Amino acid sequence: MNLKILAFGIAKDIVGGKSVELELNSDSPTVQELKEKLAADFPTFKDLRSFAIAVNEEYARNEQKITASDEIVIIPPVSGG
């Protein structure tokens, strides 16, 4: 399955742009599988303390299934004061 993923903040720097397309070998992938693929293709993600995935404008749990038609966003770690 081919997925288009939007990226913000440091995630945009890691993937080299505002979005990236990834191919997952599953017909019904989970958010966890997507995170693993991101870490495999872009090892810098392993260095982040954390990052989240949003699916259709809501934070997604690792076991959530995703489809090619979903809006998928990488949410980088947030810091502030």
N, C-alpha and C. Protein backbone atom coordinates (compact mmCIF):
# COMPACT_ATOMS: atom_id res chain seq x y z
N MET A 1 0.85 -1.17 0.00
CA MET A 1 0.00 0.00 0.00
C MET A 1 0.90 1.24 0.00
N ASN A 2 0.58 2.20 -0.84
CA ASN A 2 1.33 3.44 -0.93
C ASN A 2 0.63 4.50 -0.06
N LEU A 3 1.39 5.14 0.82
CA LEU A 3 0.84 6.15 1.72
C LEU A 3 1.56 7.48 1.53
N LYS A 4 0.80 8.55 1.49
CA LYS A 4 1.38 9.90 1.48
C LYS A 4 1.28 10.44 2.90
N ILE A 5 2.43 10.87 3.43
CA ILE A 5 2.50 11.32 4.81
C ILE A 5 3.00 12.75 4.84
N LEU A 6 2.30 13.60 5.57
CA LEU A 6 2.70 14.99 5.75
C LEU A 6 3.63 15.09 6.95
N ALA A 7 4.56 16.03 6.89
CA ALA A 7 5.55 16.18 7.97
C ALA A 7 5.67 17.65 8.37
N PHE A 8 5.87 17.88 9.66
CA PHE A 8 6.04 19.22 10.20
C PHE A 8 7.27 19.26 11.10
N GLY A 9 7.79 20.46 11.33
CA GLY A 9 8.89 20.64 12.26
C GLY A 9 10.11 19.81 11.88
N ILE A 10 10.72 19.20 12.88
CA ILE A 10 11.93 18.40 12.65
C ILE A 10 11.65 17.22 11.73
N ALA A 11 10.42 16.71 11.76
CA ALA A 11 10.07 15.59 10.88
C ALA A 11 10.20 15.99 9.41
N LYS A 12 9.86 17.23 9.10
CA LYS A 12 9.99 17.74 7.73
C LYS A 12 11.47 17.75 7.32
N ASP A 13 12.34 18.13 8.25
CA ASP A 13 13.77 18.12 7.96
C ASP A 13 14.28 16.69 7.75
N ILE A 14 13.78 15.76 8.55
CA ILE A 14 14.24 14.37 8.46
C ILE A 14 13.86 13.74 7.13
N VAL A 15 12.62 13.95 6.68
CA VAL A 15 12.17 13.31 5.42
C VAL A 15 12.55 14.13 4.20
N GLY A 16 13.03 15.36 4.41
CA GLY A 16 13.49 16.18 3.29
C GLY A 16 12.40 16.93 2.55
N GLY A 17 11.31 17.23 3.22
CA GLY A 17 10.24 17.99 2.59
C GLY A 17 8.96 17.96 3.39
N LYS A 18 7.93 18.60 2.83
CA LYS A 18 6.64 18.69 3.53
C LYS A 18 5.87 17.38 3.53
N SER A 19 6.24 16.48 2.63
CA SER A 19 5.56 15.19 2.58
C SER A 19 6.51 14.12 2.05
N VAL A 20 6.12 12.89 2.29
CA VAL A 20 6.89 11.75 1.80
C VAL A 20 5.90 10.64 1.46
N GLU A 21 6.23 9.85 0.45
CA GLU A 21 5.41 8.70 0.12
C GLU A 21 6.17 7.44 0.49
N LEU A 22 5.48 6.54 1.19
CA LEU A 22 6.09 5.29 1.61
C LEU A 22 5.23 4.12 1.13
N GLU A 23 5.90 3.05 0.82
CA GLU A 23 5.22 1.81 0.43
C GLU A 23 5.31 0.84 1.59
N LEU A 24 4.14 0.40 2.09
CA LEU A 24 4.08 -0.61 3.14
C LEU A 24 3.61 -1.91 2.52
N ASN A 25 4.17 -3.03 2.97
CA ASN A 25 3.89 -4.33 2.38
C ASN A 25 2.61 -4.97 2.88
N SER A 26 1.81 -4.24 3.59
CA SER A 26 0.59 -4.79 4.16
C SER A 26 -0.63 -4.15 3.49
N ASP A 27 -1.69 -4.92 3.33
CA ASP A 27 -2.94 -4.37 2.80
C ASP A 27 -3.71 -3.61 3.85
N SER A 28 -3.39 -3.85 5.12
CA SER A 28 -4.09 -3.22 6.22
C SER A 28 -3.08 -2.85 7.31
N PRO A 29 -2.18 -1.90 7.01
CA PRO A 29 -1.10 -1.60 7.96
C PRO A 29 -1.62 -0.86 9.20
N THR A 30 -0.81 -0.94 10.24
CA THR A 30 -1.11 -0.21 11.47
C THR A 30 -0.18 0.98 11.61
N VAL A 31 -0.50 1.86 12.52
CA VAL A 31 0.35 3.01 12.82
C VAL A 31 1.73 2.52 13.27
N GLN A 32 1.77 1.45 14.06
CA GLN A 32 3.06 0.90 14.51
C GLN A 32 3.92 0.47 13.33
N GLU A 33 3.32 -0.18 12.34
CA GLU A 33 4.06 -0.59 11.15
C GLU A 33 4.60 0.64 10.40
N LEU A 34 3.79 1.69 10.35
CA LEU A 34 4.24 2.93 9.71
C LEU A 34 5.43 3.52 10.46
N LYS A 35 5.36 3.56 11.78
CA LYS A 35 6.48 4.09 12.58
C LYS A 35 7.75 3.28 12.35
N GLU A 36 7.60 1.97 12.28
CA GLU A 36 8.76 1.11 12.04
C GLU A 36 9.36 1.37 10.66
N LYS A 37 8.50 1.57 9.67
CA LYS A 37 8.97 1.86 8.30
C LYS A 37 9.67 3.21 8.26
N LEU A 38 9.11 4.21 8.95
CA LEU A 38 9.77 5.52 9.00
C LEU A 38 11.15 5.40 9.63
N ALA A 39 11.26 4.66 10.73
CA ALA A 39 12.54 4.50 11.41
C ALA A 39 13.54 3.73 10.54
N ALA A 40 13.06 2.77 9.76
CA ALA A 40 13.94 2.00 8.87
C ALA A 40 14.44 2.86 7.71
N ASP A 41 13.53 3.65 7.12
CA ASP A 41 13.90 4.46 5.96
C ASP A 41 14.62 5.75 6.34
N PHE A 42 14.32 6.27 7.52
CA PHE A 42 14.90 7.52 8.01
C PHE A 42 15.39 7.29 9.44
N PRO A 43 16.59 6.72 9.60
CA PRO A 43 17.09 6.34 10.94
C PRO A 43 17.12 7.46 11.97
N THR A 44 17.10 8.71 11.55
CA THR A 44 17.10 9.82 12.50
C THR A 44 15.86 9.80 13.38
N PHE A 45 14.77 9.20 12.90
CA PHE A 45 13.57 9.10 13.74
C PHE A 45 13.86 8.31 15.02
N LYS A 46 14.81 7.37 14.96
CA LYS A 46 15.17 6.61 16.16
C LYS A 46 15.81 7.50 17.22
N ASP A 47 16.40 8.62 16.81
CA ASP A 47 17.06 9.53 17.74
C ASP A 47 16.08 10.46 18.46
N LEU A 48 14.88 10.58 17.94
CA LEU A 48 13.89 11.45 18.57
C LEU A 48 13.37 10.81 19.85
N ARG A 49 13.15 11.62 20.85
CA ARG A 49 12.61 11.11 22.11
C ARG A 49 11.24 10.49 21.89
N SER A 50 10.47 11.11 21.04
CA SER A 50 9.16 10.58 20.70
C SER A 50 8.65 11.31 19.46
N PHE A 51 7.73 10.67 18.79
CA PHE A 51 6.97 11.34 17.74
C PHE A 51 5.64 10.62 17.63
N ALA A 52 4.64 11.35 17.23
CA ALA A 52 3.30 10.79 17.14
C ALA A 52 2.83 10.81 15.69
N ILE A 53 1.81 10.04 15.45
CA ILE A 53 1.16 10.01 14.14
C ILE A 53 -0.30 10.44 14.34
N ALA A 54 -0.75 11.33 13.48
CA ALA A 54 -2.17 11.70 13.47
C ALA A 54 -2.78 11.13 12.19
N VAL A 55 -3.98 10.60 12.33
CA VAL A 55 -4.71 10.07 11.19
C VAL A 55 -6.06 10.79 11.15
N ASN A 56 -6.29 11.45 10.04
CA ASN A 56 -7.54 12.21 9.85
C ASN A 56 -7.77 13.19 11.00
N GLU A 57 -6.71 13.93 11.32
CA GLU A 57 -6.73 15.03 12.30
C GLU A 57 -6.92 14.59 13.75
N GLU A 58 -6.64 13.32 14.04
CA GLU A 58 -6.72 12.85 15.42
C GLU A 58 -5.48 12.01 15.72
N TYR A 59 -4.94 12.17 16.94
CA TYR A 59 -3.82 11.34 17.34
C TYR A 59 -4.21 9.87 17.21
N ALA A 60 -3.29 9.07 16.66
CA ALA A 60 -3.59 7.66 16.41
C ALA A 60 -2.81 6.77 17.37
N ARG A 61 -3.45 5.70 17.79
CA ARG A 61 -2.80 4.69 18.63
C ARG A 61 -2.04 3.73 17.73
N ASN A 62 -1.02 3.09 18.28
CA ASN A 62 -0.17 2.20 17.49
C ASN A 62 -0.94 1.09 16.79
N GLU A 63 -2.00 0.58 17.38
CA GLU A 63 -2.73 -0.54 16.79
C GLU A 63 -3.76 -0.11 15.76
N GLN A 64 -3.94 1.21 15.58
CA GLN A 64 -4.94 1.70 14.62
C GLN A 64 -4.55 1.34 13.19
N LYS A 65 -5.51 0.85 12.42
CA LYS A 65 -5.31 0.54 11.00
C LYS A 65 -5.36 1.84 10.20
N ILE A 66 -4.57 1.89 9.13
CA ILE A 66 -4.57 3.06 8.25
C ILE A 66 -4.81 2.61 6.81
N THR A 67 -5.36 3.53 6.02
CA THR A 67 -5.62 3.25 4.61
C THR A 67 -4.96 4.32 3.75
N ALA A 68 -4.89 4.04 2.47
CA ALA A 68 -4.26 4.97 1.53
C ALA A 68 -5.03 6.28 1.44
N SER A 69 -6.30 6.28 1.76
CA SER A 69 -7.09 7.50 1.65
C SER A 69 -7.04 8.36 2.93
N ASP A 70 -6.42 7.85 3.99
CA ASP A 70 -6.31 8.62 5.23
C ASP A 70 -5.34 9.78 5.08
N GLU A 71 -5.62 10.87 5.80
CA GLU A 71 -4.65 11.95 5.93
C GLU A 71 -3.74 11.59 7.09
N ILE A 72 -2.47 11.38 6.81
CA ILE A 72 -1.51 10.93 7.82
C ILE A 72 -0.47 12.02 8.03
N VAL A 73 -0.22 12.35 9.29
CA VAL A 73 0.71 13.44 9.63
C VAL A 73 1.66 12.95 10.70
N ILE A 74 2.95 13.25 10.52
CA ILE A 74 3.96 12.99 11.55
C ILE A 74 3.97 14.20 12.48
N ILE A 75 3.77 13.97 13.76
CA ILE A 75 3.79 15.04 14.76
C ILE A 75 5.10 14.91 15.53
N PRO A 76 6.02 15.84 15.35
CA PRO A 76 7.31 15.75 16.04
C PRO A 76 7.18 16.08 17.52
N PRO A 77 8.21 15.77 18.31
CA PRO A 77 8.18 16.14 19.72
C PRO A 77 7.99 17.65 19.84
N VAL A 78 7.23 18.04 20.84
CA VAL A 78 6.95 19.46 21.07
C VAL A 78 7.61 19.88 22.36
N SER A 79 8.26 21.03 22.31
CA SER A 79 8.81 21.59 23.55
C SER A 79 8.37 23.04 23.64
N GLY A 80 8.37 23.54 24.81
CA GLY A 80 7.94 24.91 24.97
C GLY A 80 8.20 25.37 26.38
N GLY A 81 7.82 26.59 26.61
CA GLY A 81 8.09 27.10 27.93
C GLY A 81 6.97 27.92 28.46
